[in-house]
């Protein structure tokens, strides 16, 4: 696990080895984020390597976090963190299935009032279990897997090779559900795979949609 680094004002990022990822280098390391201000501590998709709890202890400094899980299989260290520090986990209903019984958990959906002015958003047609989250005080939009960082820019990640059928699905079914996120005007786009866009986030996301789908095996 890398040491948490403040990559923008109040936004901390660290990486850890993916617990189950095997097909190649892309995706082997995943990023987690902590967004800190005086009255709010929010963690997004946090993953801690075994024995590395002290790094997060120091970052939280006794405060209880709100842990946002963007997609169910990113539950990762969420339960262990709230067991250690207090707070609660927020996410799609599917997240609950990946948490131990008794974990403080709240199901959230688009339109729900969330702590600190956060909002979650629906994507995909049919609708996915991934819910990108907006953290307004940080001007940030955080994705689980739909958008990733590749070679210094954002891309929309799909899990199968790109052919004509998938390209048509991308243009007709997926992109229309991602385009409303452009209207949010977020300056930063945080991603769990690859490098985030820490400035010009809306423009970077628009370019990603226009670039077409990206498949990690070429």
Protein backbone atom coordinates (compact mmCIF):
# COMPACT_ATOMS: atom_id res chain seq x y z
CA UNK A 1 0.00 0.00 0.00
CA UNK A 2 1.32 3.43 -0.93
CA UNK A 3 1.31 6.22 1.65
CA UNK A 4 -1.70 8.55 1.35
CA UNK A 5 -0.77 11.61 -0.73
CA UNK A 6 -2.66 14.89 -0.89
CA UNK A 7 -3.22 15.24 -4.63
CA UNK A 8 -5.44 18.34 -4.40
CA UNK A 9 -6.68 20.56 -1.59
CA UNK A 10 -8.33 18.22 0.90
CA UNK A 11 -8.21 15.20 -1.44
CA UNK A 12 -5.95 12.33 -0.44
CA UNK A 13 -5.20 9.29 -2.59
CA UNK A 14 -3.44 5.99 -1.98
CA UNK A 15 -3.12 2.74 -3.88
CA UNK A 16 -3.10 -0.92 -2.88
CA UNK A 17 -2.86 -4.25 -4.65
CA UNK A 18 -6.23 -5.44 -5.94
CA UNK A 19 -7.20 -8.49 -3.84
CA UNK A 20 -8.46 -10.62 -6.75
CA UNK A 21 -7.32 -9.05 -10.05
CA UNK A 22 -5.10 -11.24 -12.22
CA UNK A 23 -5.43 -10.54 -15.97
CA UNK A 24 -2.45 -8.23 -16.59
CA UNK A 25 -1.01 -5.08 -15.11
CA UNK A 26 -3.98 -2.76 -15.67
CA UNK A 27 -6.24 -3.00 -12.63
CA UNK A 28 -3.65 -4.68 -10.45
CA UNK A 29 -3.29 -1.55 -8.32
CA UNK A 30 -6.43 0.29 -7.27
CA UNK A 31 -6.82 3.77 -5.83
CA UNK A 32 -8.78 4.89 -2.81
CA UNK A 33 -9.67 8.45 -1.85
CA UNK A 34 -10.18 10.38 1.36
CA UNK A 35 -11.80 13.82 1.16
CA UNK A 36 -11.23 15.85 4.27
CA UNK A 37 -12.48 19.17 5.55
CA UNK A 38 -13.17 20.48 9.04
CA UNK A 39 -16.73 19.17 9.21
CA UNK A 40 -16.56 16.16 6.87
CA UNK A 41 -14.54 13.04 6.30
CA UNK A 42 -15.55 10.97 3.27
CA UNK A 43 -13.80 7.86 2.00
CA UNK A 44 -14.48 6.58 -1.51
CA UNK A 45 -13.99 2.85 -2.25
CA UNK A 46 -11.29 2.45 0.41
CA UNK A 47 -8.94 -0.54 0.29
CA UNK A 48 -6.34 -1.10 2.98
CA UNK A 49 -3.54 -3.61 2.69
CA UNK A 50 -3.20 -5.93 5.71
CA UNK A 51 -1.27 -4.24 8.49
CA UNK A 52 -1.57 -0.77 6.96
CA UNK A 53 -4.35 0.58 9.17
CA UNK A 54 -2.02 3.07 10.86
CA UNK A 55 -1.74 5.20 7.73
CA UNK A 56 -5.50 5.75 7.68
CA UNK A 57 -5.59 6.20 11.46
CA UNK A 58 -3.23 9.14 11.11
CA UNK A 59 -5.21 10.64 8.24
CA UNK A 60 -8.56 10.45 10.04
CA UNK A 61 -7.09 11.64 13.34
CA UNK A 62 -9.92 10.28 15.46
CA UNK A 63 -12.77 11.32 13.17
CA UNK A 64 -15.49 8.95 11.97
CA UNK A 65 -15.86 8.77 8.19
CA UNK A 66 -18.72 8.44 5.79
CA UNK A 67 -17.65 5.62 3.48
CA UNK A 68 -19.13 5.75 -0.02
CA UNK A 69 -18.95 2.58 -2.10
CA UNK A 70 -19.51 3.35 -5.78
CA UNK A 71 -20.11 -0.23 -6.93
CA UNK A 72 -20.86 -3.34 -4.85
CA UNK A 73 -17.60 -5.21 -5.37
CA UNK A 74 -15.68 -2.15 -4.19
CA UNK A 75 -16.93 -2.76 -0.63
CA UNK A 76 -13.37 -3.90 0.09
CA UNK A 77 -12.25 -2.49 3.46
CA UNK A 78 -15.40 -0.46 4.15
CA UNK A 79 -16.69 -2.67 6.96
CA UNK A 80 -13.33 -2.93 8.69
CA UNK A 81 -12.89 0.84 8.57
CA UNK A 82 -16.24 1.69 10.18
CA UNK A 83 -15.70 -1.05 12.75
CA UNK A 84 -12.43 0.63 13.69
CA UNK A 85 -13.37 4.31 13.33
CA UNK A 86 -17.16 4.51 13.50
CA UNK A 87 -19.26 6.12 10.80
CA UNK A 88 -21.40 4.41 8.18
CA UNK A 89 -21.23 2.91 4.71
CA UNK A 90 -23.38 4.27 1.88
CA UNK A 91 -24.05 2.50 -1.41
CA UNK A 92 -26.21 0.57 -3.82
CA UNK A 93 -28.36 -2.18 -2.22
CA UNK A 94 -25.95 -4.76 -3.61
CA UNK A 95 -23.22 -3.43 -1.33
CA UNK A 96 -25.03 -4.82 1.71
CA UNK A 97 -24.49 -8.38 0.46
CA UNK A 98 -20.73 -7.84 0.67
CA UNK A 99 -20.67 -6.48 4.21
CA UNK A 100 -20.63 -8.48 7.45
CA UNK A 101 -23.85 -8.54 9.42
CA UNK A 102 -24.13 -5.55 11.71
CA UNK A 103 -22.10 -3.16 9.57
CA UNK A 104 -23.71 0.32 9.70
CA UNK A 105 -25.00 0.59 6.14
CA UNK A 106 -27.47 2.81 4.33
CA UNK A 107 -28.84 2.16 0.86
CA UNK A 108 -28.65 5.27 -1.31
CA UNK A 109 -30.09 6.07 -4.72
CA UNK A 110 -30.19 9.05 -7.08
CA UNK A 111 -32.26 11.83 -5.55
CA UNK A 112 -31.69 10.78 -1.96
CA UNK A 113 -30.49 13.47 0.47
CA UNK A 114 -26.95 12.49 1.47
CA UNK A 115 -24.48 13.86 3.99
CA UNK A 116 -22.36 16.88 3.06
CA UNK A 117 -24.45 17.63 -0.05
CA UNK A 118 -23.22 14.54 -1.89
CA UNK A 119 -25.28 13.01 -4.70
CA UNK A 120 -25.15 9.67 -6.48
CA UNK A 121 -26.10 9.19 -10.12
CA UNK A 122 -27.50 6.39 -12.26
CA UNK A 123 -25.60 5.17 -15.31
CA UNK A 124 -26.09 2.41 -17.83
CA UNK A 125 -28.99 1.08 -19.87
CA UNK A 126 -29.99 -1.28 -18.39
CA UNK A 127 -29.11 0.53 -15.21
CA UNK A 128 -25.88 -0.57 -13.55
CA UNK A 129 -25.21 -1.11 -9.88
CA UNK A 130 -22.39 1.45 -10.17
CA UNK A 131 -23.39 4.89 -8.87
CA UNK A 132 -20.87 7.67 -9.48
CA UNK A 133 -20.81 10.11 -6.58
CA UNK A 134 -20.44 13.90 -6.62
CA UNK A 135 -18.61 15.53 -3.72
CA UNK A 136 -19.58 19.16 -4.30
CA UNK A 137 -17.27 20.93 -1.84
CA UNK A 138 -14.30 19.30 -3.61
CA UNK A 139 -15.69 19.85 -7.09
CA UNK A 140 -15.19 16.12 -7.63
CA UNK A 141 -16.99 13.31 -9.41
CA UNK A 142 -15.88 9.78 -8.42
CA UNK A 143 -16.35 6.65 -10.52
CA UNK A 144 -15.99 2.99 -9.65
CA UNK A 145 -15.18 1.21 -12.92
CA UNK A 146 -17.06 3.00 -15.71
CA UNK A 147 -14.35 5.62 -16.24
CA UNK A 148 -10.63 4.95 -15.74
CA UNK A 149 -7.33 6.70 -16.31
CA UNK A 150 -5.25 5.47 -19.25
CA UNK A 151 -2.03 7.04 -20.56
CA UNK A 152 -2.74 10.38 -18.94
CA UNK A 153 -6.38 10.76 -19.98
CA UNK A 154 -9.78 9.43 -19.03
CA UNK A 155 -11.43 6.57 -20.91
CA UNK A 156 -14.71 4.71 -20.64
CA UNK A 157 -13.86 1.12 -19.72
CA UNK A 158 -15.74 -1.89 -21.07
CA UNK A 159 -15.08 -5.49 -20.12
CA UNK A 160 -15.16 -7.10 -23.59
CA UNK A 161 -13.28 -6.51 -26.86
CA UNK A 162 -14.68 -3.66 -28.95
CA UNK A 163 -16.52 -4.77 -32.07
CA UNK A 164 -19.24 -3.14 -34.16
CA UNK A 165 -22.04 -4.40 -31.94
CA UNK A 166 -20.42 -3.14 -28.74
CA UNK A 167 -19.52 0.16 -30.36
CA UNK A 168 -23.16 0.67 -31.34
CA UNK A 169 -24.25 -0.27 -27.80
CA UNK A 170 -21.72 2.21 -26.42
CA UNK A 171 -22.97 5.06 -28.59
CA UNK A 172 -26.69 4.32 -28.31
CA UNK A 173 -27.06 2.96 -24.78
CA UNK A 174 -24.13 3.87 -22.53
CA UNK A 175 -23.00 7.34 -23.59
CA UNK A 176 -26.49 8.90 -23.24
CA UNK A 177 -26.47 7.89 -19.56
CA UNK A 178 -23.03 9.40 -18.96
CA UNK A 179 -23.60 12.68 -20.79
CA UNK A 180 -25.77 14.20 -18.01
CA UNK A 181 -22.72 14.07 -15.74
CA UNK A 182 -21.09 16.72 -17.93
CA UNK A 183 -23.70 19.23 -16.82
CA UNK A 184 -22.50 18.89 -13.23
CA UNK A 185 -19.38 20.88 -14.12
CA UNK A 186 -17.00 18.96 -11.87
CA UNK A 187 -13.41 20.18 -11.92
CA UNK A 188 -12.00 16.82 -10.81
CA UNK A 189 -12.77 13.24 -11.84
CA UNK A 190 -11.57 10.60 -9.37
CA UNK A 191 -11.07 7.06 -10.63
CA UNK A 192 -10.08 3.85 -8.87
CA UNK A 193 -8.07 2.58 -11.86
CA UNK A 194 -5.37 4.83 -13.27
CA UNK A 195 -4.68 8.49 -12.68
CA UNK A 196 -7.46 10.94 -11.81
CA UNK A 197 -8.17 14.18 -13.66
CA UNK A 198 -7.40 16.82 -11.03
CA UNK A 199 -8.23 19.81 -13.22
CA UNK A 200 -10.42 20.28 -16.26
CA UNK A 201 -12.44 17.25 -15.24
CA UNK A 202 -15.55 18.03 -17.27
CA UNK A 203 -13.53 18.55 -20.44
CA UNK A 204 -11.57 15.36 -19.76
CA UNK A 205 -14.79 13.41 -19.30
CA UNK A 206 -16.26 14.86 -22.51
CA UNK A 207 -13.15 13.78 -24.40
CA UNK A 208 -13.41 10.31 -22.88
CA UNK A 209 -16.98 9.88 -24.12
CA UNK A 210 -15.96 11.03 -27.59
CA UNK A 211 -12.93 8.73 -27.69
CA UNK A 212 -15.06 5.61 -27.66
CA UNK A 213 -14.90 2.56 -25.41
CA UNK A 214 -11.59 1.21 -24.12
CA UNK A 215 -10.80 -2.44 -23.42
CA UNK A 216 -7.86 -3.17 -21.15
CA UNK A 217 -6.51 -6.01 -23.28
CA UNK A 218 -6.38 -3.91 -26.43
